[in-house]
Amino acid sequence: MVIVNALLWPGTKICEAMGIDPESDQGLLRSMFNMLIYLTIALAVLWLILA
């Protein structure tokens, strides 16, 4: 569970900062925030590698 908590940490912190329970709505908002964060990181890494 430590790895799962580490991967979900950014979305959890964003939801908590916005006053939203991360477990409400089955974590869909938390997943969206995580997807946006990891997409940005992945695109930046690919851009650095391929540039």
N, C-alpha and C. Protein backbone atom coordinates (compact mmCIF):
# COMPACT_ATOMS: atom_id res chain seq x y z
N MET A 1 0.81 -1.20 0.00
CA MET A 1 0.00 0.00 0.00
C MET A 1 0.85 1.27 0.00
N VAL A 2 2.11 1.15 0.37
CA VAL A 2 2.97 2.33 0.42
C VAL A 2 3.17 2.90 -0.98
N ILE A 3 3.35 2.04 -1.98
CA ILE A 3 3.54 2.51 -3.35
C ILE A 3 2.27 3.18 -3.86
N VAL A 4 1.13 2.58 -3.57
CA VAL A 4 -0.15 3.15 -4.00
C VAL A 4 -0.36 4.52 -3.37
N ASN A 5 -0.08 4.63 -2.09
CA ASN A 5 -0.24 5.92 -1.41
C ASN A 5 0.72 6.96 -1.98
N ALA A 6 1.92 6.55 -2.35
CA ALA A 6 2.88 7.48 -2.93
C ALA A 6 2.40 7.96 -4.30
N LEU A 7 1.83 7.08 -5.09
CA LEU A 7 1.35 7.47 -6.42
C LEU A 7 0.12 8.36 -6.35
N LEU A 8 -0.72 8.15 -5.36
CA LEU A 8 -1.95 8.93 -5.24
C LEU A 8 -1.76 10.20 -4.41
N TRP A 9 -0.58 10.40 -3.85
CA TRP A 9 -0.34 11.51 -2.95
C TRP A 9 -0.63 12.89 -3.56
N PRO A 10 -0.17 13.19 -4.80
CA PRO A 10 -0.44 14.54 -5.34
C PRO A 10 -1.94 14.86 -5.43
N GLY A 11 -2.71 13.94 -5.95
CA GLY A 11 -4.14 14.18 -6.08
C GLY A 11 -4.83 14.29 -4.74
N THR A 12 -4.37 13.51 -3.77
CA THR A 12 -4.95 13.56 -2.43
C THR A 12 -4.70 14.93 -1.81
N LYS A 13 -3.49 15.44 -1.95
CA LYS A 13 -3.17 16.74 -1.36
C LYS A 13 -3.92 17.88 -2.05
N ILE A 14 -4.11 17.79 -3.35
CA ILE A 14 -4.87 18.82 -4.06
C ILE A 14 -6.33 18.80 -3.61
N CYS A 15 -6.90 17.62 -3.49
CA CYS A 15 -8.29 17.51 -3.03
C CYS A 15 -8.44 18.04 -1.61
N GLU A 16 -7.51 17.70 -0.74
CA GLU A 16 -7.57 18.20 0.64
C GLU A 16 -7.44 19.71 0.68
N ALA A 17 -6.58 20.28 -0.18
CA ALA A 17 -6.41 21.73 -0.21
C ALA A 17 -7.68 22.43 -0.70
N MET A 18 -8.44 21.76 -1.56
CA MET A 18 -9.67 22.33 -2.09
C MET A 18 -10.86 22.05 -1.18
N GLY A 19 -10.65 21.27 -0.11
CA GLY A 19 -11.72 20.96 0.82
C GLY A 19 -12.62 19.83 0.34
N ILE A 20 -12.12 19.00 -0.54
CA ILE A 20 -12.89 17.88 -1.09
C ILE A 20 -12.35 16.59 -0.46
N ASP A 21 -13.25 15.72 -0.05
CA ASP A 21 -12.83 14.42 0.47
C ASP A 21 -12.30 13.58 -0.69
N PRO A 22 -11.04 13.12 -0.65
CA PRO A 22 -10.47 12.36 -1.75
C PRO A 22 -11.19 11.03 -2.01
N GLU A 23 -11.88 10.51 -1.02
CA GLU A 23 -12.58 9.24 -1.19
C GLU A 23 -14.00 9.40 -1.69
N SER A 24 -14.52 10.64 -1.71
CA SER A 24 -15.86 10.83 -2.24
C SER A 24 -15.83 10.61 -3.74
N ASP A 25 -16.92 10.30 -4.32
CA ASP A 25 -17.10 10.00 -5.75
C ASP A 25 -16.10 8.94 -6.24
N GLN A 26 -15.77 8.01 -5.39
CA GLN A 26 -14.86 6.89 -5.69
C GLN A 26 -13.48 7.37 -6.16
N GLY A 27 -13.09 8.56 -5.77
CA GLY A 27 -11.75 9.06 -6.08
C GLY A 27 -11.58 9.54 -7.50
N LEU A 28 -12.65 9.87 -8.21
CA LEU A 28 -12.52 10.30 -9.60
C LEU A 28 -11.80 11.63 -9.73
N LEU A 29 -12.08 12.57 -8.85
CA LEU A 29 -11.37 13.85 -8.90
C LEU A 29 -9.89 13.67 -8.59
N ARG A 30 -9.61 12.85 -7.60
CA ARG A 30 -8.21 12.58 -7.26
C ARG A 30 -7.49 11.94 -8.43
N SER A 31 -8.15 11.03 -9.13
CA SER A 31 -7.56 10.39 -10.30
C SER A 31 -7.32 11.39 -11.42
N MET A 32 -8.26 12.31 -11.61
CA MET A 32 -8.10 13.33 -12.65
C MET A 32 -6.88 14.21 -12.35
N PHE A 33 -6.75 14.65 -11.09
CA PHE A 33 -5.61 15.48 -10.73
C PHE A 33 -4.30 14.72 -10.89
N ASN A 34 -4.28 13.44 -10.49
CA ASN A 34 -3.08 12.64 -10.66
C ASN A 34 -2.74 12.47 -12.14
N MET A 35 -3.75 12.24 -12.96
CA MET A 35 -3.51 12.05 -14.38
C MET A 35 -2.92 13.33 -14.99
N LEU A 36 -3.44 14.48 -14.62
CA LEU A 36 -2.91 15.74 -15.15
C LEU A 36 -1.46 15.98 -14.71
N ILE A 37 -1.18 15.67 -13.46
CA ILE A 37 0.18 15.87 -12.95
C ILE A 37 1.16 14.92 -13.64
N TYR A 38 0.81 13.62 -13.69
CA TYR A 38 1.73 12.66 -14.28
C TYR A 38 1.83 12.81 -15.79
N LEU A 39 0.77 13.29 -16.46
CA LEU A 39 0.84 13.58 -17.88
C LEU A 39 1.82 14.72 -18.14
N THR A 40 1.75 15.75 -17.34
CA THR A 40 2.66 16.88 -17.48
C THR A 40 4.11 16.44 -17.27
N ILE A 41 4.34 15.63 -16.26
CA ILE A 41 5.69 15.15 -15.99
C ILE A 41 6.19 14.26 -17.13
N ALA A 42 5.34 13.35 -17.61
CA ALA A 42 5.74 12.45 -18.69
C ALA A 42 6.04 13.21 -19.97
N LEU A 43 5.21 14.20 -20.29
CA LEU A 43 5.44 14.98 -21.50
C LEU A 43 6.72 15.80 -21.38
N ALA A 44 7.00 16.35 -20.21
CA ALA A 44 8.24 17.11 -20.02
C ALA A 44 9.46 16.21 -20.17
N VAL A 45 9.40 15.01 -19.61
CA VAL A 45 10.53 14.08 -19.72
C VAL A 45 10.74 13.68 -21.17
N LEU A 46 9.65 13.36 -21.88
CA LEU A 46 9.78 13.00 -23.28
C LEU A 46 10.32 14.16 -24.13
N TRP A 47 9.87 15.36 -23.81
CA TRP A 47 10.34 16.52 -24.53
C TRP A 47 11.85 16.71 -24.32
N LEU A 48 12.30 16.50 -23.08
CA LEU A 48 13.74 16.63 -22.80
C LEU A 48 14.55 15.54 -23.49
N ILE A 49 14.00 14.33 -23.54
CA ILE A 49 14.73 13.22 -24.17
C ILE A 49 14.79 13.37 -25.67
N LEU A 50 13.67 13.75 -26.28
CA LEU A 50 13.60 13.80 -27.74
C LEU A 50 14.06 15.11 -28.34
N ALA A 51 14.28 16.12 -27.52
CA ALA A 51 14.69 17.43 -28.06
C ALA A 51 16.18 17.50 -28.28
